mmCIF file of all heavy atoms, coordinates in Angstrom:
data_MODEL
# 
_entry.id   MODEL 
# 
loop_
_atom_site.group_PDB 
_atom_site.id 
_atom_site.type_symbol 
_atom_site.label_atom_id 
_atom_site.label_alt_id 
_atom_site.label_comp_id 
_atom_site.label_asym_id 
_atom_site.label_entity_id 
_atom_site.label_seq_id 
_atom_site.pdbx_PDB_ins_code 
_atom_site.Cartn_x 
_atom_site.Cartn_y 
_atom_site.Cartn_z 
_atom_site.occupancy 
_atom_site.B_iso_or_equiv 
_atom_site.pdbx_formal_charge 
_atom_site.auth_seq_id 
_atom_site.auth_comp_id 
_atom_site.auth_asym_id 
_atom_site.auth_atom_id 
_atom_site.pdbx_PDB_model_num 
ATOM 1   N N   . ASN A 1 1  ? -12.892 -70.065 -70.997 1.00 0.00 ? 1  ASN A N   1 
ATOM 2   C CA  . ASN A 1 1  ? -11.824 -69.915 -71.995 1.00 0.00 ? 1  ASN A CA  1 
ATOM 3   C C   . ASN A 1 1  ? -12.349 -69.470 -73.354 1.00 0.00 ? 1  ASN A C   1 
ATOM 4   O O   . ASN A 1 1  ? -11.612 -69.514 -74.343 1.00 0.00 ? 1  ASN A O   1 
ATOM 5   C CB  . ASN A 1 1  ? -11.046 -71.219 -72.130 1.00 0.00 ? 1  ASN A CB  1 
ATOM 6   C CG  . ASN A 1 1  ? -10.283 -71.569 -70.866 1.00 0.00 ? 1  ASN A CG  1 
ATOM 7   O OD1 . ASN A 1 1  ? -9.769  -70.701 -70.176 1.00 0.00 ? 1  ASN A OD1 1 
ATOM 8   N ND2 . ASN A 1 1  ? -10.225 -72.868 -70.556 1.00 0.00 ? 1  ASN A ND2 1 
ATOM 9   N N   . SER A 1 2  ? -13.605 -69.087 -73.417 1.00 0.00 ? 2  SER A N   1 
ATOM 10  C CA  . SER A 1 2  ? -14.204 -68.633 -74.670 1.00 0.00 ? 2  SER A CA  1 
ATOM 11  C C   . SER A 1 2  ? -14.410 -67.118 -74.632 1.00 0.00 ? 2  SER A C   1 
ATOM 12  O O   . SER A 1 2  ? -14.245 -66.486 -73.588 1.00 0.00 ? 2  SER A O   1 
ATOM 13  C CB  . SER A 1 2  ? -15.549 -69.334 -74.902 1.00 0.00 ? 2  SER A CB  1 
ATOM 14  O OG  . SER A 1 2  ? -15.398 -70.738 -74.925 1.00 0.00 ? 2  SER A OG  1 
ATOM 15  N N   . SER A 1 3  ? -14.778 -66.556 -75.765 1.00 0.00 ? 3  SER A N   1 
ATOM 16  C CA  . SER A 1 3  ? -15.071 -65.127 -75.795 1.00 0.00 ? 3  SER A CA  1 
ATOM 17  C C   . SER A 1 3  ? -16.381 -64.856 -75.071 1.00 0.00 ? 3  SER A C   1 
ATOM 18  O O   . SER A 1 3  ? -17.260 -65.717 -75.012 1.00 0.00 ? 3  SER A O   1 
ATOM 19  C CB  . SER A 1 3  ? -15.144 -64.620 -77.236 1.00 0.00 ? 3  SER A CB  1 
ATOM 20  O OG  . SER A 1 3  ? -16.180 -65.285 -77.939 1.00 0.00 ? 3  SER A OG  1 
ATOM 21  N N   . VAL A 1 4  ? -16.499 -63.665 -74.511 1.00 0.00 ? 4  VAL A N   1 
ATOM 22  C CA  . VAL A 1 4  ? -17.719 -63.321 -73.791 1.00 0.00 ? 4  VAL A CA  1 
ATOM 23  C C   . VAL A 1 4  ? -18.864 -63.130 -74.780 1.00 0.00 ? 4  VAL A C   1 
ATOM 24  O O   . VAL A 1 4  ? -18.659 -62.731 -75.928 1.00 0.00 ? 4  VAL A O   1 
ATOM 25  C CB  . VAL A 1 4  ? -17.543 -62.052 -72.933 1.00 0.00 ? 4  VAL A CB  1 
ATOM 26  C CG1 . VAL A 1 4  ? -16.470 -62.259 -71.877 1.00 0.00 ? 4  VAL A CG1 1 
ATOM 27  C CG2 . VAL A 1 4  ? -17.221 -60.845 -73.799 1.00 0.00 ? 4  VAL A CG2 1 
ATOM 28  N N   . LYS A 1 5  ? -20.076 -63.422 -74.322 1.00 0.00 ? 5  LYS A N   1 
ATOM 29  C CA  . LYS A 1 5  ? -21.270 -63.271 -75.150 1.00 0.00 ? 5  LYS A CA  1 
ATOM 30  C C   . LYS A 1 5  ? -22.178 -62.153 -74.659 1.00 0.00 ? 5  LYS A C   1 
ATOM 31  O O   . LYS A 1 5  ? -23.085 -61.737 -75.360 1.00 0.00 ? 5  LYS A O   1 
ATOM 32  C CB  . LYS A 1 5  ? -22.051 -64.590 -75.193 1.00 0.00 ? 5  LYS A CB  1 
ATOM 33  C CG  . LYS A 1 5  ? -21.230 -65.787 -75.660 1.00 0.00 ? 5  LYS A CG  1 
ATOM 34  C CD  . LYS A 1 5  ? -20.605 -65.563 -77.030 1.00 0.00 ? 5  LYS A CD  1 
ATOM 35  C CE  . LYS A 1 5  ? -19.781 -66.772 -77.483 1.00 0.00 ? 5  LYS A CE  1 
ATOM 36  N NZ  . LYS A 1 5  ? -19.054 -66.510 -78.748 1.00 0.00 ? 5  LYS A NZ  1 
ATOM 37  N N   . LYS A 1 6  ? -21.935 -61.687 -73.425 1.00 0.00 ? 6  LYS A N   1 
ATOM 38  C CA  . LYS A 1 6  ? -22.686 -60.569 -72.878 1.00 0.00 ? 6  LYS A CA  1 
ATOM 39  C C   . LYS A 1 6  ? -21.749 -59.372 -72.800 1.00 0.00 ? 6  LYS A C   1 
ATOM 40  O O   . LYS A 1 6  ? -20.695 -59.459 -72.172 1.00 0.00 ? 6  LYS A O   1 
ATOM 41  C CB  . LYS A 1 6  ? -23.233 -60.912 -71.492 1.00 0.00 ? 6  LYS A CB  1 
ATOM 42  C CG  . LYS A 1 6  ? -24.224 -62.062 -71.482 1.00 0.00 ? 6  LYS A CG  1 
ATOM 43  C CD  . LYS A 1 6  ? -24.667 -62.381 -70.058 1.00 0.00 ? 6  LYS A CD  1 
ATOM 44  C CE  . LYS A 1 6  ? -25.634 -63.558 -70.025 1.00 0.00 ? 6  LYS A CE  1 
ATOM 45  N NZ  . LYS A 1 6  ? -26.022 -63.909 -68.637 1.00 0.00 ? 6  LYS A NZ  1 
ATOM 46  N N   . TYR A 1 7  ? -22.130 -58.290 -73.417 1.00 0.00 ? 7  TYR A N   1 
ATOM 47  C CA  . TYR A 1 7  ? -21.261 -57.120 -73.513 1.00 0.00 ? 7  TYR A CA  1 
ATOM 48  C C   . TYR A 1 7  ? -21.758 -56.043 -72.549 1.00 0.00 ? 7  TYR A C   1 
ATOM 49  O O   . TYR A 1 7  ? -22.593 -55.217 -72.892 1.00 0.00 ? 7  TYR A O   1 
ATOM 50  C CB  . TYR A 1 7  ? -21.215 -56.624 -74.946 1.00 0.00 ? 7  TYR A CB  1 
ATOM 51  C CG  . TYR A 1 7  ? -20.780 -57.702 -75.912 1.00 0.00 ? 7  TYR A CG  1 
ATOM 52  C CD1 . TYR A 1 7  ? -21.659 -58.186 -76.887 1.00 0.00 ? 7  TYR A CD1 1 
ATOM 53  C CD2 . TYR A 1 7  ? -19.511 -58.265 -75.837 1.00 0.00 ? 7  TYR A CD2 1 
ATOM 54  C CE1 . TYR A 1 7  ? -21.261 -59.180 -77.765 1.00 0.00 ? 7  TYR A CE1 1 
ATOM 55  C CE2 . TYR A 1 7  ? -19.105 -59.263 -76.711 1.00 0.00 ? 7  TYR A CE2 1 
ATOM 56  C CZ  . TYR A 1 7  ? -19.991 -59.717 -77.672 1.00 0.00 ? 7  TYR A CZ  1 
ATOM 57  O OH  . TYR A 1 7  ? -19.599 -60.708 -78.533 1.00 0.00 ? 7  TYR A OH  1 
ATOM 58  N N   . ILE A 1 8  ? -21.227 -56.089 -71.335 1.00 0.00 ? 8  ILE A N   1 
ATOM 59  C CA  . ILE A 1 8  ? -21.637 -55.175 -70.278 1.00 0.00 ? 8  ILE A CA  1 
ATOM 60  C C   . ILE A 1 8  ? -20.396 -54.521 -69.699 1.00 0.00 ? 8  ILE A C   1 
ATOM 61  O O   . ILE A 1 8  ? -19.475 -55.205 -69.244 1.00 0.00 ? 8  ILE A O   1 
ATOM 62  C CB  . ILE A 1 8  ? -22.416 -55.912 -69.170 1.00 0.00 ? 8  ILE A CB  1 
ATOM 63  C CG1 . ILE A 1 8  ? -23.744 -56.443 -69.740 1.00 0.00 ? 8  ILE A CG1 1 
ATOM 64  C CG2 . ILE A 1 8  ? -22.678 -54.996 -67.982 1.00 0.00 ? 8  ILE A CG2 1 
ATOM 65  C CD1 . ILE A 1 8  ? -24.519 -57.298 -68.767 1.00 0.00 ? 8  ILE A CD1 1 
ATOM 66  N N   . GLY A 1 9  ? -20.371 -53.203 -69.724 1.00 0.00 ? 9  GLY A N   1 
ATOM 67  C CA  . GLY A 1 9  ? -19.242 -52.467 -69.177 1.00 0.00 ? 9  GLY A CA  1 
ATOM 68  C C   . GLY A 1 9  ? -19.720 -51.333 -68.300 1.00 0.00 ? 9  GLY A C   1 
ATOM 69  O O   . GLY A 1 9  ? -20.868 -51.319 -67.833 1.00 0.00 ? 9  GLY A O   1 
ATOM 70  N N   . THR A 1 10 ? -18.846 -50.364 -68.095 1.00 0.00 ? 10 THR A N   1 
ATOM 71  C CA  . THR A 1 10 ? -19.167 -49.183 -67.277 1.00 0.00 ? 10 THR A CA  1 
ATOM 72  C C   . THR A 1 10 ? -19.231 -47.923 -68.127 1.00 0.00 ? 10 THR A C   1 
ATOM 73  O O   . THR A 1 10 ? -19.359 -46.822 -67.587 1.00 0.00 ? 10 THR A O   1 
ATOM 74  C CB  . THR A 1 10 ? -18.097 -48.982 -66.190 1.00 0.00 ? 10 THR A CB  1 
ATOM 75  O OG1 . THR A 1 10 ? -16.824 -48.764 -66.831 1.00 0.00 ? 10 THR A OG1 1 
ATOM 76  C CG2 . THR A 1 10 ? -18.007 -50.183 -65.266 1.00 0.00 ? 10 THR A CG2 1 
ATOM 77  N N   . GLY A 1 11 ? -19.116 -48.045 -69.443 1.00 0.00 ? 11 GLY A N   1 
ATOM 78  C CA  . GLY A 1 11 ? -18.942 -46.903 -70.321 1.00 0.00 ? 11 GLY A CA  1 
ATOM 79  C C   . GLY A 1 11 ? -20.176 -46.046 -70.498 1.00 0.00 ? 11 GLY A C   1 
ATOM 80  O O   . GLY A 1 11 ? -21.283 -46.392 -70.052 1.00 0.00 ? 11 GLY A O   1 
ATOM 81  N N   . PRO A 1 12 ? -20.032 -44.917 -71.190 1.00 0.00 ? 12 PRO A N   1 
ATOM 82  C CA  . PRO A 1 12 ? -21.129 -43.955 -71.339 1.00 0.00 ? 12 PRO A CA  1 
ATOM 83  C C   . PRO A 1 12 ? -22.263 -44.424 -72.245 1.00 0.00 ? 12 PRO A C   1 
ATOM 84  O O   . PRO A 1 12 ? -23.360 -43.882 -72.202 1.00 0.00 ? 12 PRO A O   1 
ATOM 85  C CB  . PRO A 1 12 ? -20.433 -42.721 -71.920 1.00 0.00 ? 12 PRO A CB  1 
ATOM 86  C CG  . PRO A 1 12 ? -19.207 -43.248 -72.597 1.00 0.00 ? 12 PRO A CG  1 
ATOM 87  C CD  . PRO A 1 12 ? -18.771 -44.427 -71.781 1.00 0.00 ? 12 PRO A CD  1 
ATOM 88  N N   . TYR A 1 13 ? -21.991 -45.442 -73.075 1.00 0.00 ? 13 TYR A N   1 
ATOM 89  C CA  . TYR A 1 13 ? -23.028 -45.984 -73.958 1.00 0.00 ? 13 TYR A CA  1 
ATOM 90  C C   . TYR A 1 13 ? -23.073 -47.497 -73.811 1.00 0.00 ? 13 TYR A C   1 
ATOM 91  O O   . TYR A 1 13 ? -22.054 -48.140 -73.547 1.00 0.00 ? 13 TYR A O   1 
ATOM 92  C CB  . TYR A 1 13 ? -22.767 -45.576 -75.417 1.00 0.00 ? 13 TYR A CB  1 
ATOM 93  C CG  . TYR A 1 13 ? -23.039 -44.105 -75.638 1.00 0.00 ? 13 TYR A CG  1 
ATOM 94  C CD1 . TYR A 1 13 ? -22.047 -43.166 -75.377 1.00 0.00 ? 13 TYR A CD1 1 
ATOM 95  C CD2 . TYR A 1 13 ? -24.283 -43.660 -76.043 1.00 0.00 ? 13 TYR A CD2 1 
ATOM 96  C CE1 . TYR A 1 13 ? -22.296 -41.803 -75.533 1.00 0.00 ? 13 TYR A CE1 1 
ATOM 97  C CE2 . TYR A 1 13 ? -24.542 -42.309 -76.199 1.00 0.00 ? 13 TYR A CE2 1 
ATOM 98  C CZ  . TYR A 1 13 ? -23.548 -41.379 -75.942 1.00 0.00 ? 13 TYR A CZ  1 
ATOM 99  O OH  . TYR A 1 13 ? -23.813 -40.044 -76.079 1.00 0.00 ? 13 TYR A OH  1 
ATOM 100 N N   . LYS A 1 14 ? -24.248 -48.055 -73.973 1.00 0.00 ? 14 LYS A N   1 
ATOM 101 C CA  . LYS A 1 14 ? -24.434 -49.493 -73.799 1.00 0.00 ? 14 LYS A CA  1 
ATOM 102 C C   . LYS A 1 14 ? -24.987 -50.100 -75.079 1.00 0.00 ? 14 LYS A C   1 
ATOM 103 O O   . LYS A 1 14 ? -25.615 -49.417 -75.900 1.00 0.00 ? 14 LYS A O   1 
ATOM 104 C CB  . LYS A 1 14 ? -25.364 -49.784 -72.630 1.00 0.00 ? 14 LYS A CB  1 
ATOM 105 C CG  . LYS A 1 14 ? -26.785 -49.278 -72.796 1.00 0.00 ? 14 LYS A CG  1 
ATOM 106 C CD  . LYS A 1 14 ? -27.634 -49.600 -71.557 1.00 0.00 ? 14 LYS A CD  1 
ATOM 107 C CE  . LYS A 1 14 ? -29.064 -49.123 -71.738 1.00 0.00 ? 14 LYS A CE  1 
ATOM 108 N NZ  . LYS A 1 14 ? -29.910 -49.459 -70.553 1.00 0.00 ? 14 LYS A NZ  1 
ATOM 109 N N   . LEU A 1 15 ? -24.753 -51.390 -75.230 1.00 0.00 ? 15 LEU A N   1 
ATOM 110 C CA  . LEU A 1 15 ? -25.242 -52.095 -76.405 1.00 0.00 ? 15 LEU A CA  1 
ATOM 111 C C   . LEU A 1 15 ? -26.758 -52.239 -76.318 1.00 0.00 ? 15 LEU A C   1 
ATOM 112 O O   . LEU A 1 15 ? -27.287 -52.762 -75.336 1.00 0.00 ? 15 LEU A O   1 
ATOM 113 C CB  . LEU A 1 15 ? -24.594 -53.483 -76.488 1.00 0.00 ? 15 LEU A CB  1 
ATOM 114 C CG  . LEU A 1 15 ? -25.037 -54.367 -77.663 1.00 0.00 ? 15 LEU A CG  1 
ATOM 115 C CD1 . LEU A 1 15 ? -24.654 -53.740 -78.993 1.00 0.00 ? 15 LEU A CD1 1 
ATOM 116 C CD2 . LEU A 1 15 ? -24.429 -55.766 -77.528 1.00 0.00 ? 15 LEU A CD2 1 
ATOM 117 N N   . ALA A 1 16 ? -27.437 -51.763 -77.368 1.00 0.00 ? 16 ALA A N   1 
ATOM 118 C CA  . ALA A 1 16 ? -28.893 -51.849 -77.406 1.00 0.00 ? 16 ALA A CA  1 
ATOM 119 C C   . ALA A 1 16 ? -29.375 -52.904 -78.387 1.00 0.00 ? 16 ALA A C   1 
ATOM 120 O O   . ALA A 1 16 ? -30.361 -53.599 -78.136 1.00 0.00 ? 16 ALA A O   1 
ATOM 121 C CB  . ALA A 1 16 ? -29.493 -50.489 -77.773 1.00 0.00 ? 16 ALA A CB  1 
ATOM 122 N N   . GLU A 1 17 ? -28.636 -53.038 -79.506 1.00 0.00 ? 17 GLU A N   1 
ATOM 123 C CA  . GLU A 1 17 ? -29.085 -53.967 -80.539 1.00 0.00 ? 17 GLU A CA  1 
ATOM 124 C C   . GLU A 1 17 ? -27.913 -54.294 -81.461 1.00 0.00 ? 17 GLU A C   1 
ATOM 125 O O   . GLU A 1 17 ? -27.095 -53.425 -81.765 1.00 0.00 ? 17 GLU A O   1 
ATOM 126 C CB  . GLU A 1 17 ? -30.238 -53.340 -81.344 1.00 0.00 ? 17 GLU A CB  1 
ATOM 127 C CG  . GLU A 1 17 ? -30.882 -54.271 -82.346 1.00 0.00 ? 17 GLU A CG  1 
ATOM 128 C CD  . GLU A 1 17 ? -32.039 -53.613 -83.081 1.00 0.00 ? 17 GLU A CD  1 
ATOM 129 O OE1 . GLU A 1 17 ? -32.381 -52.458 -82.738 1.00 0.00 ? 17 GLU A OE1 1 
ATOM 130 O OE2 . GLU A 1 17 ? -32.591 -54.242 -83.993 1.00 0.00 ? 17 GLU A OE2 1 
ATOM 131 N N   . TRP A 1 18 ? -27.847 -55.533 -81.906 1.00 0.00 ? 18 TRP A N   1 
ATOM 132 C CA  . TRP A 1 18 ? -26.824 -55.946 -82.868 1.00 0.00 ? 18 TRP A CA  1 
ATOM 133 C C   . TRP A 1 18 ? -27.500 -56.783 -83.935 1.00 0.00 ? 18 TRP A C   1 
ATOM 134 O O   . TRP A 1 18 ? -27.971 -57.882 -83.671 1.00 0.00 ? 18 TRP A O   1 
ATOM 135 C CB  . TRP A 1 18 ? -25.723 -56.737 -82.164 1.00 0.00 ? 18 TRP A CB  1 
ATOM 136 C CG  . TRP A 1 18 ? -24.533 -57.040 -83.052 1.00 0.00 ? 18 TRP A CG  1 
ATOM 137 C CD1 . TRP A 1 18 ? -24.450 -56.930 -84.416 1.00 0.00 ? 18 TRP A CD1 1 
ATOM 138 C CD2 . TRP A 1 18 ? -23.251 -57.491 -82.626 1.00 0.00 ? 18 TRP A CD2 1 
ATOM 139 N NE1 . TRP A 1 18 ? -23.213 -57.263 -84.869 1.00 0.00 ? 18 TRP A NE1 1 
ATOM 140 C CE2 . TRP A 1 18 ? -22.446 -57.624 -83.790 1.00 0.00 ? 18 TRP A CE2 1 
ATOM 141 C CE3 . TRP A 1 18 ? -22.701 -57.799 -81.378 1.00 0.00 ? 18 TRP A CE3 1 
ATOM 142 C CZ2 . TRP A 1 18 ? -21.124 -58.060 -83.743 1.00 0.00 ? 18 TRP A CZ2 1 
ATOM 143 C CZ3 . TRP A 1 18 ? -21.387 -58.230 -81.337 1.00 0.00 ? 18 TRP A CZ3 1 
ATOM 144 C CH2 . TRP A 1 18 ? -20.603 -58.357 -82.484 1.00 0.00 ? 18 TRP A CH2 1 
ATOM 145 N N   . SER A 1 19 ? -27.547 -56.241 -85.129 1.00 0.00 ? 19 SER A N   1 
ATOM 146 C CA  . SER A 1 19 ? -28.045 -56.976 -86.287 1.00 0.00 ? 19 SER A CA  1 
ATOM 147 C C   . SER A 1 19 ? -26.835 -57.368 -87.118 1.00 0.00 ? 19 SER A C   1 
ATOM 148 O O   . SER A 1 19 ? -26.265 -56.522 -87.822 1.00 0.00 ? 19 SER A O   1 
ATOM 149 C CB  . SER A 1 19 ? -29.007 -56.104 -87.109 1.00 0.00 ? 19 SER A CB  1 
ATOM 150 O OG  . SER A 1 19 ? -29.494 -56.813 -88.230 1.00 0.00 ? 19 SER A OG  1 
ATOM 151 N N   . PRO A 1 20 ? -26.388 -58.628 -87.024 1.00 0.00 ? 20 PRO A N   1 
ATOM 152 C CA  . PRO A 1 20 ? -25.115 -59.032 -87.643 1.00 0.00 ? 20 PRO A CA  1 
ATOM 153 C C   . PRO A 1 20 ? -25.030 -58.641 -89.118 1.00 0.00 ? 20 PRO A C   1 
ATOM 154 O O   . PRO A 1 20 ? -25.990 -58.804 -89.880 1.00 0.00 ? 20 PRO A O   1 
ATOM 155 C CB  . PRO A 1 20 ? -25.122 -60.554 -87.461 1.00 0.00 ? 20 PRO A CB  1 
ATOM 156 C CG  . PRO A 1 20 ? -25.949 -60.770 -86.237 1.00 0.00 ? 20 PRO A CG  1 
ATOM 157 C CD  . PRO A 1 20 ? -27.036 -59.732 -86.307 1.00 0.00 ? 20 PRO A CD  1 
ATOM 158 N N   . ASP A 1 21 ? -23.851 -58.105 -89.476 1.00 0.00 ? 21 ASP A N   1 
ATOM 159 C CA  . ASP A 1 21 ? -23.554 -57.669 -90.839 1.00 0.00 ? 21 ASP A CA  1 
ATOM 160 C C   . ASP A 1 21 ? -24.430 -56.512 -91.308 1.00 0.00 ? 21 ASP A C   1 
ATOM 161 O O   . ASP A 1 21 ? -24.448 -56.184 -92.499 1.00 0.00 ? 21 ASP A O   1 
ATOM 162 C CB  . ASP A 1 21 ? -23.653 -58.823 -91.837 1.00 0.00 ? 21 ASP A CB  1 
ATOM 163 C CG  . ASP A 1 21 ? -22.584 -59.867 -91.626 1.00 0.00 ? 21 ASP A CG  1 
ATOM 164 O OD1 . ASP A 1 21 ? -21.458 -59.490 -91.253 1.00 0.00 ? 21 ASP A OD1 1 
ATOM 165 O OD2 . ASP A 1 21 ? -22.872 -61.066 -91.819 1.00 0.00 ? 21 ASP A OD2 1 
ATOM 166 N N   . ARG A 1 22 ? -25.153 -55.879 -90.370 1.00 0.00 ? 22 ARG A N   1 
ATOM 167 C CA  . ARG A 1 22 ? -25.997 -54.741 -90.742 1.00 0.00 ? 22 ARG A CA  1 
ATOM 168 C C   . ARG A 1 22 ? -25.658 -53.511 -89.907 1.00 0.00 ? 22 ARG A C   1 
ATOM 169 O O   . ARG A 1 22 ? -25.214 -52.501 -90.439 1.00 0.00 ? 22 ARG A O   1 
ATOM 170 C CB  . ARG A 1 22 ? -27.471 -55.110 -90.614 1.00 0.00 ? 22 ARG A CB  1 
ATOM 171 C CG  . ARG A 1 22 ? -27.893 -56.261 -91.534 1.00 0.00 ? 22 ARG A CG  1 
ATOM 172 C CD  . ARG A 1 22 ? -29.346 -56.638 -91.319 1.00 0.00 ? 22 ARG A CD  1 
ATOM 173 N NE  . ARG A 1 22 ? -30.247 -55.594 -91.796 1.00 0.00 ? 22 ARG A NE  1 
ATOM 174 C CZ  . ARG A 1 22 ? -31.351 -55.228 -91.168 1.00 0.00 ? 22 ARG A CZ  1 
ATOM 175 N NH1 . ARG A 1 22 ? -31.664 -55.781 -90.009 1.00 0.00 ? 22 ARG A NH1 1 
ATOM 176 N NH2 . ARG A 1 22 ? -32.138 -54.300 -91.682 1.00 0.00 ? 22 ARG A NH2 1 
ATOM 177 N N   . TYR A 1 23 ? -25.849 -53.585 -88.596 1.00 0.00 ? 23 TYR A N   1 
ATOM 178 C CA  . TYR A 1 23 ? -25.517 -52.449 -87.755 1.00 0.00 ? 23 TYR A CA  1 
ATOM 179 C C   . TYR A 1 23 ? -25.440 -52.887 -86.298 1.00 0.00 ? 23 TYR A C   1 
ATOM 180 O O   . TYR A 1 23 ? -25.950 -53.936 -85.891 1.00 0.00 ? 23 TYR A O   1 
ATOM 181 C CB  . TYR A 1 23 ? -26.545 -51.318 -87.897 1.00 0.00 ? 23 TYR A CB  1 
ATOM 182 C CG  . TYR A 1 23 ? -27.935 -51.686 -87.436 1.00 0.00 ? 23 TYR A CG  1 
ATOM 183 C CD1 . TYR A 1 23 ? -28.303 -51.571 -86.094 1.00 0.00 ? 23 TYR A CD1 1 
ATOM 184 C CD2 . TYR A 1 23 ? -28.872 -52.159 -88.346 1.00 0.00 ? 23 TYR A CD2 1 
ATOM 185 C CE1 . TYR A 1 23 ? -29.563 -51.915 -85.671 1.00 0.00 ? 23 TYR A CE1 1 
ATOM 186 C CE2 . TYR A 1 23 ? -30.140 -52.521 -87.932 1.00 0.00 ? 23 TYR A CE2 1 
ATOM 187 C CZ  . TYR A 1 23 ? -30.489 -52.396 -86.597 1.00 0.00 ? 23 TYR A CZ  1 
ATOM 188 O OH  . TYR A 1 23 ? -31.749 -52.749 -86.179 1.00 0.00 ? 23 TYR A OH  1 
ATOM 189 N N   . ILE A 1 24 ? -24.774 -52.045 -85.509 1.00 0.00 ? 24 ILE A N   1 
ATOM 190 C CA  . ILE A 1 24 ? -24.765 -52.170 -84.056 1.00 0.00 ? 24 ILE A CA  1 
ATOM 191 C C   . ILE A 1 24 ? -25.283 -50.846 -83.508 1.00 0.00 ? 24 ILE A C   1 
ATOM 192 O O   . ILE A 1 24 ? -24.793 -49.775 -83.880 1.00 0.00 ? 24 ILE A O   1 
ATOM 193 C CB  . ILE A 1 24 ? -23.349 -52.447 -83.521 1.00 0.00 ? 24 ILE A CB  1 
ATOM 194 C CG1 . ILE A 1 24 ? -22.867 -53.819 -84.004 1.00 0.00 ? 24 ILE A CG1 1 
ATOM 195 C CG2 . ILE A 1 24 ? -23.320 -52.381 -81.994 1.00 0.00 ? 24 ILE A CG2 1 
ATOM 196 C CD1 . ILE A 1 24 ? -21.421 -54.113 -83.647 1.00 0.00 ? 24 ILE A CD1 1 
# 
């Protein structure tokens, strides 16, 4: 019932790095 913490999809680009309040 919580938000997901792993961001995995099928899209053309994937999450490589997230520096909070700086960049994704």
